[in-house]
Protein backbone atom coordinates (compact mmCIF):
# COMPACT_ATOMS: atom_id res chain seq x y z
CA UNK A 1 -16.51 -53.75 -53.76
CA UNK A 2 -16.09 -56.46 -51.13
CA UNK A 3 -18.58 -59.31 -50.97
CA UNK A 4 -18.58 -61.83 -48.15
CA UNK A 5 -20.66 -64.94 -47.53
CA UNK A 6 -20.60 -66.80 -44.23
CA UNK A 7 -22.34 -70.08 -43.35
CA UNK A 8 -23.17 -70.70 -39.70
CA UNK A 9 -24.16 -74.08 -38.31
CA UNK A 10 -25.45 -73.10 -34.89
CA UNK A 11 -25.12 -76.44 -33.14
CA UNK A 12 -27.66 -78.69 -31.48
CA UNK A 13 -30.62 -76.58 -32.62
CA UNK A 14 -29.77 -77.72 -36.14
CA UNK A 15 -30.33 -74.27 -37.62
CA UNK A 16 -28.12 -73.05 -40.41
CA UNK A 17 -27.77 -69.45 -41.50
CA UNK A 18 -26.17 -67.80 -44.52
CA UNK A 19 -25.03 -64.20 -44.09
CA UNK A 20 -24.10 -62.11 -47.13
CA UNK A 21 -22.39 -58.75 -46.65
CA UNK A 22 -21.27 -56.23 -49.24
CA UNK A 23 -19.49 -52.91 -48.96
CA UNK A 24 -18.33 -50.35 -51.53
CA UNK A 25 -16.66 -47.75 -49.32
CA UNK A 26 -15.06 -49.50 -46.30
CA UNK A 27 -17.85 -48.23 -44.06
CA UNK A 28 -21.45 -48.79 -45.16
CA UNK A 29 -22.26 -52.51 -45.21
CA UNK A 30 -25.40 -54.09 -46.63
CA UNK A 31 -26.52 -57.40 -45.12
CA UNK A 32 -28.78 -60.22 -46.20
CA UNK A 33 -29.57 -63.42 -44.34
CA UNK A 34 -31.23 -66.73 -45.05
CA UNK A 35 -32.07 -68.93 -42.09
CA UNK A 36 -34.60 -71.48 -40.93
CA UNK A 37 -34.59 -69.73 -37.55
CA UNK A 38 -37.33 -67.13 -37.14
CA UNK A 39 -35.34 -65.39 -34.38
CA UNK A 40 -32.31 -64.99 -36.63
CA UNK A 41 -34.51 -63.71 -39.46
CA UNK A 42 -36.03 -61.05 -37.18
CA UNK A 43 -32.52 -60.02 -36.14
CA UNK A 44 -31.36 -59.88 -39.75
CA UNK A 45 -34.35 -57.82 -40.87
CA UNK A 46 -33.47 -55.15 -38.32
CA UNK A 47 -29.82 -54.78 -39.41
CA UNK A 48 -29.89 -54.68 -43.22
CA UNK A 49 -27.49 -51.72 -43.40
CA UNK A 50 -24.75 -50.94 -40.90
CA UNK A 51 -21.97 -48.45 -40.38
CA UNK A 52 -18.95 -50.75 -39.95
CA UNK A 53 -17.00 -48.23 -37.90
CA UNK A 54 -19.83 -47.83 -35.40
CA UNK A 55 -20.48 -51.58 -35.16
CA UNK A 56 -16.89 -52.69 -34.81
CA UNK A 57 -15.49 -49.95 -32.60
CA UNK A 58 -18.37 -49.06 -30.26
CA UNK A 59 -17.27 -51.62 -27.66
CA UNK A 60 -17.94 -55.28 -26.95
CA UNK A 61 -21.64 -56.09 -26.76
CA UNK A 62 -22.67 -52.68 -28.11
CA UNK A 63 -23.96 -51.59 -31.50
CA UNK A 64 -27.04 -52.30 -33.59
CA UNK A 65 -26.30 -56.00 -34.10
CA UNK A 66 -26.02 -56.76 -30.41
CA UNK A 67 -28.96 -54.50 -29.54
CA UNK A 68 -31.10 -56.37 -32.10
CA UNK A 69 -29.80 -59.72 -30.82
CA UNK A 70 -30.87 -58.83 -27.27
CA UNK A 71 -34.41 -58.26 -28.50
CA UNK A 72 -34.72 -61.10 -31.02
CA UNK A 73 -32.46 -63.99 -29.97
CA UNK A 74 -33.48 -65.97 -26.88
CA UNK A 75 -30.41 -68.22 -26.74
CA UNK A 76 -27.45 -66.33 -25.28
CA UNK A 77 -24.90 -68.68 -26.90
CA UNK A 78 -26.23 -68.22 -30.45
CA UNK A 79 -23.19 -67.70 -32.71
CA UNK A 80 -25.06 -65.72 -35.39
CA UNK A 81 -24.61 -62.19 -33.95
CA UNK A 82 -20.84 -62.69 -33.78
CA UNK A 83 -20.84 -64.12 -37.29
CA UNK A 84 -22.68 -61.04 -38.56
CA UNK A 85 -19.97 -58.85 -37.04
CA UNK A 86 -17.25 -61.00 -38.66
CA UNK A 87 -19.00 -60.56 -42.02
CA UNK A 88 -19.19 -56.79 -41.52
CA UNK A 89 -15.51 -56.69 -40.58
CA UNK A 90 -14.41 -58.63 -43.66
CA UNK A 91 -16.75 -56.86 -46.10
CA UNK A 92 -15.55 -53.43 -44.95
CA UNK A 93 -11.92 -54.47 -45.31
CA UNK A 94 -10.98 -54.31 -41.61
CA UNK A 95 -9.99 -57.98 -41.47
CA UNK A 96 -9.06 -60.74 -43.86
CA UNK A 97 -11.48 -63.60 -44.40
CA UNK A 98 -10.45 -66.33 -41.96
CA UNK A 99 -12.57 -69.15 -40.57
CA UNK A 100 -13.51 -69.14 -36.91
CA UNK A 101 -14.12 -72.39 -35.02
CA UNK A 102 -15.69 -73.57 -31.83
CA UNK A 103 -14.85 -77.25 -31.52
CA UNK A 104 -15.87 -79.58 -28.71
CA UNK A 105 -13.16 -82.13 -27.91
């Protein structure tokens, strides 16, 4: 069983999100989220269980996470949808856990 926890600090909005993902079979991933952002919480409530293969290999910008993000997240640059996909990828065993950065210099 793979368990993953990711913390996202979204930037100037000041919102932080914790994503927890777990997977027993390298395909079916269960998600939980905690966030002060109501938009992120609506997104998270609509994607509590995902098929990792469908999410990760349906094409860029496609799948349930991105469909839910289009409906629930108003800020196009919100990093949470991508972070959810990274959590799914790691929990299902398709990628190693490795930090991702966006750094202004």
